[in-house]
Amino acid sequence: MKRIYTPLDLNKIKSLKAGQEVFLSGTIYTARDQAHKRLVQAIKSRQTLPFELRDAVIYYCGPTQTPQGKVIGSCGPTTSSRMDAFSGFILAQGLRGMIGKGSRGLGVKEAIKKYKGIYFITYAGCGALLSKYVKSVKKVAYGDLGPEAILKLEVENFPLIVAIDVNGGSVYG
């Protein structure tokens, strides 16, 4: 398996192909639909964002409560199509990677090709296992959203599959 590291500039991902398995290490940010809505509003109103979007990776995830002695609770992927309404706009701002589960709409696939992004999937139903790849967690925005707040995760060898590559190749056909 190929190892890749954040930030994800185009040179790091342009050779990846749909269906390829990779390990990702570095910084990723969690965000679900309500956080995406707020990010889009902040961009449109020219507010400072809670993190730099350029070459960043967003993980569609809302972790469970952190058990004592652990870094994070179960942190499996959320259904990605819930973010489709926001993804093209956020990719246009420089977001490079997205992690979730399930297929994406045609508009997102076209935006990935246009803005040279990438969409990864990870193992659904394995949130407890995925938590073992998270080395640290820091809340960065929208704490009032509870588990849907934006978190900064430092991950090591986080297992992913390329679902849609920069050229629009897709595991979904």
N, C-alpha and C. Protein backbone atom coordinates (compact mmCIF):
# COMPACT_ATOMS: atom_id res chain seq x y z
N MET A 1 0.84 -1.18 0.00
CA MET A 1 0.00 0.00 0.00
C MET A 1 0.88 1.24 0.00
N LYS A 2 0.39 2.25 -0.69
CA LYS A 2 1.12 3.51 -0.78
C LYS A 2 0.85 4.36 0.46
N ARG A 3 1.88 5.04 0.93
CA ARG A 3 1.75 5.95 2.07
C ARG A 3 1.75 7.37 1.54
N ILE A 4 0.78 8.16 2.01
CA ILE A 4 0.70 9.56 1.62
C ILE A 4 0.57 10.41 2.88
N TYR A 5 0.93 11.68 2.76
CA TYR A 5 1.00 12.57 3.90
C TYR A 5 0.33 13.90 3.58
N THR A 6 -0.28 14.49 4.61
CA THR A 6 -0.86 15.82 4.44
C THR A 6 0.22 16.86 4.70
N PRO A 7 0.07 18.07 4.12
CA PRO A 7 -1.01 18.50 3.24
C PRO A 7 -0.96 17.76 1.90
N LEU A 8 -2.12 17.64 1.27
CA LEU A 8 -2.25 16.86 0.03
C LEU A 8 -2.17 17.78 -1.18
N ASP A 9 -0.99 18.12 -1.62
CA ASP A 9 -0.92 18.90 -2.85
C ASP A 9 -1.12 17.96 -4.04
N LEU A 10 -1.36 18.53 -5.19
CA LEU A 10 -1.68 17.74 -6.38
C LEU A 10 -0.59 16.72 -6.71
N ASN A 11 0.67 17.08 -6.52
CA ASN A 11 1.75 16.14 -6.84
C ASN A 11 1.67 14.86 -6.02
N LYS A 12 1.12 14.94 -4.81
CA LYS A 12 1.02 13.76 -3.95
C LYS A 12 -0.11 12.82 -4.34
N ILE A 13 -1.10 13.33 -5.07
CA ILE A 13 -2.28 12.50 -5.34
C ILE A 13 -2.53 12.21 -6.82
N LYS A 14 -1.82 12.90 -7.70
CA LYS A 14 -2.16 12.76 -9.12
C LYS A 14 -1.92 11.35 -9.66
N SER A 15 -1.07 10.58 -9.05
CA SER A 15 -0.82 9.21 -9.53
C SER A 15 -1.76 8.18 -8.91
N LEU A 16 -2.55 8.58 -7.91
CA LEU A 16 -3.46 7.64 -7.27
C LEU A 16 -4.63 7.33 -8.19
N LYS A 17 -5.05 6.08 -8.20
CA LYS A 17 -6.14 5.62 -9.07
C LYS A 17 -7.28 5.04 -8.25
N ALA A 18 -8.48 5.18 -8.76
CA ALA A 18 -9.66 4.62 -8.09
C ALA A 18 -9.44 3.15 -7.78
N GLY A 19 -9.76 2.76 -6.57
CA GLY A 19 -9.59 1.39 -6.12
C GLY A 19 -8.30 1.13 -5.38
N GLN A 20 -7.35 2.06 -5.48
CA GLN A 20 -6.06 1.88 -4.81
C GLN A 20 -6.20 2.09 -3.31
N GLU A 21 -5.54 1.24 -2.54
CA GLU A 21 -5.53 1.37 -1.09
C GLU A 21 -4.31 2.18 -0.67
N VAL A 22 -4.52 3.08 0.30
CA VAL A 22 -3.43 3.93 0.78
C VAL A 22 -3.50 4.05 2.30
N PHE A 23 -2.37 4.45 2.88
CA PHE A 23 -2.31 4.84 4.28
C PHE A 23 -2.05 6.34 4.31
N LEU A 24 -2.86 7.09 5.05
CA LEU A 24 -2.70 8.53 5.16
C LEU A 24 -2.19 8.89 6.55
N SER A 25 -1.19 9.76 6.60
CA SER A 25 -0.67 10.27 7.87
C SER A 25 -0.63 11.79 7.80
N GLY A 26 -0.87 12.41 8.95
CA GLY A 26 -0.83 13.87 9.04
C GLY A 26 -2.09 14.43 9.66
N THR A 27 -2.44 15.65 9.27
CA THR A 27 -3.58 16.36 9.82
C THR A 27 -4.80 16.20 8.91
N ILE A 28 -5.93 15.84 9.51
CA ILE A 28 -7.22 15.87 8.82
C ILE A 28 -8.21 16.56 9.74
N TYR A 29 -9.31 17.05 9.18
CA TYR A 29 -10.33 17.74 9.95
C TYR A 29 -11.66 17.03 9.81
N THR A 30 -12.37 16.86 10.93
CA THR A 30 -13.70 16.28 10.85
C THR A 30 -14.70 17.39 10.55
N ALA A 31 -15.70 17.08 9.75
CA ALA A 31 -16.80 18.02 9.48
C ALA A 31 -17.94 17.26 8.84
N ARG A 32 -19.13 17.50 9.37
CA ARG A 32 -20.34 16.92 8.80
C ARG A 32 -21.19 18.02 8.21
N ASP A 33 -22.44 17.75 7.88
CA ASP A 33 -23.24 18.69 7.12
C ASP A 33 -23.44 20.06 7.79
N GLN A 34 -23.70 20.11 9.10
CA GLN A 34 -23.90 21.41 9.75
C GLN A 34 -22.61 22.23 9.77
N ALA A 35 -21.49 21.59 9.95
CA ALA A 35 -20.20 22.29 9.90
C ALA A 35 -19.92 22.78 8.48
N HIS A 36 -20.25 21.96 7.49
CA HIS A 36 -20.08 22.39 6.09
C HIS A 36 -20.92 23.63 5.79
N LYS A 37 -22.14 23.62 6.27
CA LYS A 37 -23.03 24.77 6.06
C LYS A 37 -22.40 26.03 6.64
N ARG A 38 -21.85 25.91 7.83
CA ARG A 38 -21.21 27.07 8.47
C ARG A 38 -19.93 27.49 7.74
N LEU A 39 -19.16 26.53 7.26
CA LEU A 39 -17.95 26.88 6.50
C LEU A 39 -18.31 27.67 5.24
N VAL A 40 -19.33 27.21 4.53
CA VAL A 40 -19.76 27.91 3.30
C VAL A 40 -20.25 29.31 3.65
N GLN A 41 -21.03 29.45 4.71
CA GLN A 41 -21.50 30.77 5.13
C GLN A 41 -20.32 31.68 5.47
N ALA A 42 -19.33 31.14 6.17
CA ALA A 42 -18.15 31.93 6.55
C ALA A 42 -17.38 32.38 5.32
N ILE A 43 -17.22 31.50 4.35
CA ILE A 43 -16.50 31.86 3.12
C ILE A 43 -17.26 32.96 2.38
N LYS A 44 -18.56 32.78 2.24
CA LYS A 44 -19.36 33.76 1.49
C LYS A 44 -19.39 35.12 2.18
N SER A 45 -19.29 35.14 3.50
CA SER A 45 -19.29 36.42 4.22
C SER A 45 -17.87 36.90 4.54
N ARG A 46 -16.89 36.25 3.93
CA ARG A 46 -15.48 36.63 4.04
C ARG A 46 -14.95 36.62 5.48
N GLN A 47 -15.43 35.67 6.27
CA GLN A 47 -14.95 35.49 7.63
C GLN A 47 -13.70 34.61 7.62
N THR A 48 -12.90 34.72 8.66
CA THR A 48 -11.73 33.86 8.81
C THR A 48 -12.20 32.44 9.10
N LEU A 49 -11.64 31.49 8.38
CA LEU A 49 -12.01 30.09 8.58
C LEU A 49 -11.23 29.50 9.75
N PRO A 50 -11.78 28.45 10.37
CA PRO A 50 -11.10 27.84 11.52
C PRO A 50 -9.85 27.03 11.15
N PHE A 51 -9.68 26.74 9.86
CA PHE A 51 -8.47 26.06 9.39
C PHE A 51 -8.28 26.40 7.93
N GLU A 52 -7.07 26.22 7.45
CA GLU A 52 -6.73 26.50 6.06
C GLU A 52 -7.27 25.39 5.17
N LEU A 53 -8.12 25.75 4.21
CA LEU A 53 -8.69 24.76 3.31
C LEU A 53 -7.71 24.27 2.25
N ARG A 54 -6.81 25.12 1.83
CA ARG A 54 -5.90 24.75 0.73
C ARG A 54 -5.14 23.47 1.07
N ASP A 55 -5.31 22.47 0.22
CA ASP A 55 -4.64 21.17 0.32
C ASP A 55 -5.01 20.38 1.58
N ALA A 56 -6.10 20.78 2.24
CA ALA A 56 -6.55 20.08 3.44
C ALA A 56 -7.40 18.86 3.09
N VAL A 57 -7.65 18.04 4.10
CA VAL A 57 -8.50 16.86 3.99
C VAL A 57 -9.59 16.96 5.05
N ILE A 58 -10.84 16.79 4.62
CA ILE A 58 -11.97 16.75 5.55
C ILE A 58 -12.48 15.32 5.62
N TYR A 59 -12.65 14.86 6.85
CA TYR A 59 -13.18 13.53 7.14
C TYR A 59 -14.62 13.70 7.60
N TYR A 60 -15.56 13.11 6.89
CA TYR A 60 -16.97 13.17 7.25
C TYR A 60 -17.20 12.22 8.42
N CYS A 61 -17.13 12.78 9.62
CA CYS A 61 -17.13 11.95 10.82
C CYS A 61 -17.63 12.77 12.00
N GLY A 62 -18.38 12.13 12.87
CA GLY A 62 -18.79 12.71 14.14
C GLY A 62 -18.48 11.70 15.22
N PRO A 63 -17.31 11.77 15.82
CA PRO A 63 -16.88 10.74 16.78
C PRO A 63 -17.81 10.62 17.98
N THR A 64 -17.83 9.43 18.55
CA THR A 64 -18.56 9.23 19.80
C THR A 64 -17.75 9.80 20.95
N GLN A 65 -18.35 9.81 22.13
CA GLN A 65 -17.66 10.31 23.32
C GLN A 65 -16.37 9.53 23.55
N THR A 66 -15.35 10.25 23.96
CA THR A 66 -14.04 9.63 24.18
C THR A 66 -14.01 8.84 25.48
N PRO A 67 -13.74 7.54 25.40
CA PRO A 67 -13.62 6.74 26.63
C PRO A 67 -12.37 7.13 27.42
N GLN A 68 -12.41 6.93 28.70
CA GLN A 68 -11.27 7.24 29.56
C GLN A 68 -10.04 6.46 29.07
N GLY A 69 -8.93 7.16 28.98
CA GLY A 69 -7.68 6.54 28.56
C GLY A 69 -7.49 6.45 27.06
N LYS A 70 -8.46 6.93 26.29
CA LYS A 70 -8.37 6.89 24.82
C LYS A 70 -8.19 8.30 24.27
N VAL A 71 -7.70 8.38 23.04
CA VAL A 71 -7.52 9.66 22.37
C VAL A 71 -8.85 10.18 21.82
N ILE A 72 -9.67 9.25 21.31
CA ILE A 72 -10.93 9.59 20.66
C ILE A 72 -11.86 8.39 20.79
N GLY A 73 -13.14 8.65 20.69
CA GLY A 73 -14.11 7.55 20.66
C GLY A 73 -14.17 6.94 19.27
N SER A 74 -15.15 6.11 19.07
CA SER A 74 -15.36 5.50 17.76
C SER A 74 -15.50 6.60 16.72
N CYS A 75 -14.81 6.45 15.60
CA CYS A 75 -14.80 7.55 14.61
C CYS A 75 -14.90 7.01 13.19
N GLY A 76 -16.01 6.38 12.93
CA GLY A 76 -16.26 5.85 11.59
C GLY A 76 -16.80 6.92 10.66
N PRO A 77 -16.79 6.64 9.36
CA PRO A 77 -17.24 7.61 8.36
C PRO A 77 -18.75 7.79 8.32
N THR A 78 -19.17 9.00 7.97
CA THR A 78 -20.56 9.34 7.74
C THR A 78 -20.85 9.26 6.24
N THR A 79 -22.09 9.03 5.88
CA THR A 79 -22.50 8.98 4.48
C THR A 79 -22.16 10.29 3.78
N SER A 80 -21.33 10.21 2.78
CA SER A 80 -20.76 11.39 2.13
C SER A 80 -21.76 12.20 1.33
N SER A 81 -22.78 11.58 0.77
CA SER A 81 -23.72 12.31 -0.09
C SER A 81 -24.41 13.43 0.67
N ARG A 82 -24.42 13.37 2.01
CA ARG A 82 -25.01 14.45 2.80
C ARG A 82 -24.23 15.75 2.64
N MET A 83 -22.98 15.67 2.20
CA MET A 83 -22.15 16.86 2.02
C MET A 83 -22.09 17.30 0.56
N ASP A 84 -22.77 16.58 -0.34
CA ASP A 84 -22.68 16.89 -1.77
C ASP A 84 -23.06 18.33 -2.10
N ALA A 85 -24.05 18.88 -1.43
CA ALA A 85 -24.49 20.25 -1.72
C ALA A 85 -23.40 21.29 -1.46
N PHE A 86 -22.44 20.96 -0.62
CA PHE A 86 -21.39 21.91 -0.24
C PHE A 86 -20.04 21.61 -0.88
N SER A 87 -19.85 20.39 -1.35
CA SER A 87 -18.51 19.92 -1.74
C SER A 87 -17.90 20.68 -2.90
N GLY A 88 -18.66 20.95 -3.94
CA GLY A 88 -18.11 21.68 -5.08
C GLY A 88 -17.59 23.05 -4.69
N PHE A 89 -18.38 23.76 -3.90
CA PHE A 89 -17.99 25.10 -3.45
C PHE A 89 -16.72 25.05 -2.61
N ILE A 90 -16.64 24.08 -1.71
CA ILE A 90 -15.47 23.98 -0.83
C ILE A 90 -14.24 23.50 -1.61
N LEU A 91 -14.42 22.60 -2.56
CA LEU A 91 -13.30 22.20 -3.43
C LEU A 91 -12.76 23.41 -4.19
N ALA A 92 -13.65 24.29 -4.64
CA ALA A 92 -13.23 25.49 -5.38
C ALA A 92 -12.38 26.42 -4.51
N GLN A 93 -12.50 26.30 -3.19
CA GLN A 93 -11.71 27.13 -2.27
C GLN A 93 -10.36 26.51 -1.96
N GLY A 94 -10.08 25.32 -2.50
CA GLY A 94 -8.76 24.72 -2.32
C GLY A 94 -8.74 23.42 -1.55
N LEU A 95 -9.89 22.98 -1.02
CA LEU A 95 -9.90 21.68 -0.35
C LEU A 95 -9.39 20.63 -1.32
N ARG A 96 -8.55 19.73 -0.85
CA ARG A 96 -7.95 18.73 -1.74
C ARG A 96 -8.57 17.35 -1.55
N GLY A 97 -8.86 16.96 -0.31
CA GLY A 97 -9.32 15.60 -0.09
C GLY A 97 -10.54 15.52 0.80
N MET A 98 -11.32 14.48 0.57
CA MET A 98 -12.50 14.18 1.37
C MET A 98 -12.48 12.70 1.70
N ILE A 99 -12.93 12.37 2.91
CA ILE A 99 -12.99 10.97 3.36
C ILE A 99 -14.40 10.72 3.87
N GLY A 100 -15.00 9.63 3.45
CA GLY A 100 -16.32 9.28 3.94
C GLY A 100 -16.68 7.86 3.57
N LYS A 101 -17.97 7.66 3.30
CA LYS A 101 -18.44 6.36 2.82
C LYS A 101 -19.55 6.61 1.81
N GLY A 102 -19.64 5.72 0.84
CA GLY A 102 -20.70 5.79 -0.14
C GLY A 102 -20.38 6.63 -1.36
N SER A 103 -21.24 6.50 -2.36
CA SER A 103 -21.03 7.19 -3.63
C SER A 103 -21.33 8.67 -3.50
N ARG A 104 -20.89 9.42 -4.51
CA ARG A 104 -21.10 10.87 -4.58
C ARG A 104 -21.91 11.18 -5.81
N GLY A 105 -22.58 12.32 -5.79
CA GLY A 105 -23.35 12.77 -6.93
C GLY A 105 -22.46 13.17 -8.09
N LEU A 106 -23.05 13.23 -9.28
CA LEU A 106 -22.31 13.59 -10.50
C LEU A 106 -21.64 14.96 -10.36
N GLY A 107 -22.32 15.92 -9.71
CA GLY A 107 -21.74 17.25 -9.54
C GLY A 107 -20.45 17.22 -8.73
N VAL A 108 -20.39 16.37 -7.73
CA VAL A 108 -19.18 16.26 -6.92
C VAL A 108 -18.07 15.61 -7.73
N LYS A 109 -18.42 14.57 -8.49
CA LYS A 109 -17.41 13.91 -9.33
C LYS A 109 -16.82 14.91 -10.32
N GLU A 110 -17.66 15.74 -10.92
CA GLU A 110 -17.18 16.76 -11.86
C GLU A 110 -16.32 17.81 -11.16
N ALA A 111 -16.71 18.21 -9.95
CA ALA A 111 -15.92 19.19 -9.19
C ALA A 111 -14.56 18.61 -8.81
N ILE A 112 -14.52 17.32 -8.47
CA ILE A 112 -13.25 16.67 -8.15
C ILE A 112 -12.32 16.75 -9.36
N LYS A 113 -12.84 16.46 -10.54
CA LYS A 113 -12.03 16.55 -11.77
C LYS A 113 -11.59 17.99 -12.03
N LYS A 114 -12.51 18.93 -11.93
CA LYS A 114 -12.22 20.33 -12.23
C LYS A 114 -11.17 20.92 -11.30
N TYR A 115 -11.31 20.64 -9.99
CA TYR A 115 -10.42 21.26 -9.01
C TYR A 115 -9.29 20.35 -8.55
N LYS A 116 -9.20 19.17 -9.18
CA LYS A 116 -8.13 18.20 -8.89
C LYS A 116 -8.10 17.80 -7.42
N GLY A 117 -9.27 17.41 -6.95
CA GLY A 117 -9.40 16.88 -5.60
C GLY A 117 -9.39 15.36 -5.63
N ILE A 118 -9.69 14.77 -4.50
CA ILE A 118 -9.73 13.32 -4.40
C ILE A 118 -10.73 12.95 -3.31
N TYR A 119 -11.43 11.85 -3.54
CA TYR A 119 -12.39 11.34 -2.56
C TYR A 119 -11.97 9.94 -2.16
N PHE A 120 -11.77 9.79 -0.86
CA PHE A 120 -11.41 8.50 -0.28
C PHE A 120 -12.60 7.94 0.48
N ILE A 121 -12.67 6.64 0.55
CA ILE A 121 -13.60 5.98 1.46
C ILE A 121 -12.78 5.19 2.47
N THR A 122 -13.41 4.94 3.59
CA THR A 122 -12.78 4.09 4.60
C THR A 122 -13.83 3.13 5.13
N TYR A 123 -13.42 2.28 6.00
CA TYR A 123 -14.22 1.14 6.40
C TYR A 123 -15.39 1.52 7.31
N ALA A 124 -16.60 1.39 6.78
CA ALA A 124 -17.81 1.66 7.54
C ALA A 124 -18.02 0.54 8.56
N GLY A 125 -18.58 0.90 9.70
CA GLY A 125 -18.84 -0.09 10.74
C GLY A 125 -17.62 -0.46 11.56
N CYS A 126 -16.53 0.24 11.33
CA CYS A 126 -15.26 -0.08 12.02
C CYS A 126 -14.71 1.13 12.76
N GLY A 127 -15.61 1.97 13.28
CA GLY A 127 -15.18 3.20 13.95
C GLY A 127 -14.24 2.98 15.11
N ALA A 128 -14.47 1.91 15.88
CA ALA A 128 -13.58 1.64 17.02
C ALA A 128 -12.18 1.29 16.51
N LEU A 129 -12.10 0.51 15.45
CA LEU A 129 -10.80 0.18 14.86
C LEU A 129 -10.13 1.43 14.30
N LEU A 130 -10.88 2.26 13.58
CA LEU A 130 -10.30 3.46 12.98
C LEU A 130 -9.76 4.42 14.05
N SER A 131 -10.35 4.42 15.23
CA SER A 131 -9.87 5.31 16.29
C SER A 131 -8.43 5.02 16.68
N LYS A 132 -7.96 3.83 16.45
CA LYS A 132 -6.59 3.45 16.80
C LYS A 132 -5.54 4.17 15.94
N TYR A 133 -5.96 4.71 14.81
CA TYR A 133 -5.03 5.42 13.92
C TYR A 133 -4.97 6.92 14.24
N VAL A 134 -5.80 7.37 15.17
CA VAL A 134 -5.83 8.78 15.56
C VAL A 134 -4.88 8.97 16.74
N LYS A 135 -3.90 9.83 16.57
CA LYS A 135 -2.88 10.04 17.59
C LYS A 135 -3.15 11.24 18.50
N SER A 136 -3.89 12.24 17.99
CA SER A 136 -4.27 13.38 18.83
C SER A 136 -5.50 14.05 18.24
N VAL A 137 -6.21 14.78 19.10
CA VAL A 137 -7.46 15.45 18.73
C VAL A 137 -7.48 16.84 19.36
N LYS A 138 -7.92 17.83 18.58
CA LYS A 138 -8.09 19.18 19.11
C LYS A 138 -9.35 19.78 18.49
N LYS A 139 -10.24 20.29 19.31
CA LYS A 139 -11.44 20.96 18.79
C LYS A 139 -11.02 22.31 18.22
N VAL A 140 -11.44 22.61 16.98
CA VAL A 140 -11.04 23.87 16.37
C VAL A 140 -12.21 24.81 16.06
N ALA A 141 -13.45 24.29 15.99
CA ALA A 141 -14.56 25.19 15.66
C ALA A 141 -15.91 24.53 15.93
N TYR A 142 -16.89 25.38 16.16
CA TYR A 142 -18.30 25.01 16.24
C TYR A 142 -18.58 23.99 17.34
N GLY A 143 -18.01 24.23 18.51
CA GLY A 143 -18.19 23.34 19.64
C GLY A 143 -19.64 23.13 20.02
N ASP A 144 -20.50 24.11 19.70
CA ASP A 144 -21.93 23.98 20.00
C ASP A 144 -22.60 22.86 19.21
N LEU A 145 -21.92 22.33 18.19
CA LEU A 145 -22.46 21.23 17.40
C LEU A 145 -22.19 19.87 18.05
N GLY A 146 -21.56 19.88 19.21
CA GLY A 146 -21.29 18.62 19.90
C GLY A 146 -20.38 17.72 19.08
N PRO A 147 -20.79 16.46 18.84
CA PRO A 147 -19.94 15.54 18.08
C PRO A 147 -19.73 15.96 16.62
N GLU A 148 -20.51 16.96 16.17
CA GLU A 148 -20.33 17.44 14.81
C GLU A 148 -19.43 18.68 14.73
N ALA A 149 -18.81 19.04 15.84
CA ALA A 149 -17.84 20.14 15.82
C ALA A 149 -16.69 19.78 14.89
N ILE A 150 -15.98 20.78 14.44
CA ILE A 150 -14.79 20.51 13.62
C ILE A 150 -13.63 20.20 14.56
N LEU A 151 -13.05 19.03 14.34
CA LEU A 151 -11.90 18.58 15.11
C LEU A 151 -10.69 18.46 14.20
N LYS A 152 -9.54 18.77 14.74
CA LYS A 152 -8.27 18.55 14.05
C LYS A 152 -7.73 17.22 14.57
N LEU A 153 -7.58 16.26 13.66
CA LEU A 153 -7.05 14.96 14.03
C LEU A 153 -5.66 14.79 13.44
N GLU A 154 -4.75 14.27 14.24
CA GLU A 154 -3.46 13.83 13.72
C GLU A 154 -3.57 12.32 13.59
N VAL A 155 -3.40 11.84 12.38
CA VAL A 155 -3.56 10.40 12.11
C VAL A 155 -2.26 9.81 11.61
N GLU A 156 -2.12 8.51 11.83
CA GLU A 156 -0.95 7.79 11.35
C GLU A 156 -1.41 6.50 10.69
N ASN A 157 -1.06 6.36 9.42
CA ASN A 157 -1.41 5.17 8.62
C ASN A 157 -2.91 4.89 8.62
N PHE A 158 -3.70 5.94 8.49
CA PHE A 158 -5.15 5.82 8.43
C PHE A 158 -5.51 5.11 7.12
N PRO A 159 -6.22 3.98 7.18
CA PRO A 159 -6.47 3.18 5.97
C PRO A 159 -7.59 3.76 5.11
N LEU A 160 -7.28 3.96 3.83
CA LEU A 160 -8.24 4.54 2.89
C LEU A 160 -8.22 3.79 1.56
N ILE A 161 -9.28 3.98 0.82
CA ILE A 161 -9.38 3.49 -0.56
C ILE A 161 -9.73 4.69 -1.42
N VAL A 162 -9.04 4.86 -2.53
CA VAL A 162 -9.37 5.94 -3.46
C VAL A 162 -10.70 5.58 -4.13
N ALA A 163 -11.72 6.39 -3.87
CA ALA A 163 -13.04 6.14 -4.47
C ALA A 163 -13.22 6.92 -5.76
N ILE A 164 -12.77 8.20 -5.78
CA ILE A 164 -12.79 9.02 -6.99
C ILE A 164 -11.44 9.72 -7.08
N ASP A 165 -10.71 9.46 -8.16
CA ASP A 165 -9.38 10.04 -8.32
C ASP A 165 -9.46 11.40 -9.02
N VAL A 166 -8.33 12.07 -9.16
CA VAL A 166 -8.29 13.43 -9.73
C VAL A 166 -8.79 13.51 -11.17
N ASN A 167 -8.78 12.38 -11.86
CA ASN A 167 -9.25 12.34 -13.24
C ASN A 167 -10.70 11.89 -13.38
N GLY A 168 -11.36 11.68 -12.24
CA GLY A 168 -12.76 11.27 -12.25
C GLY A 168 -12.97 9.77 -12.28
N GLY A 169 -11.87 8.99 -12.27
CA GLY A 169 -12.00 7.54 -12.18
C GLY A 169 -12.69 7.20 -10.87
N SER A 170 -13.63 6.26 -10.90
CA SER A 170 -14.43 5.98 -9.72
C SER A 170 -14.63 4.49 -9.50
N VAL A 171 -14.64 4.08 -8.24
CA VAL A 171 -14.96 2.70 -7.90
C VAL A 171 -16.44 2.44 -8.05
N TYR A 172 -17.22 3.49 -8.22
CA TYR A 172 -18.67 3.36 -8.35
C TYR A 172 -19.13 3.31 -9.81
N GLY A 173 -18.20 3.38 -10.74
CA GLY A 173 -18.56 3.29 -12.15
C GLY A 173 -18.68 4.63 -12.82
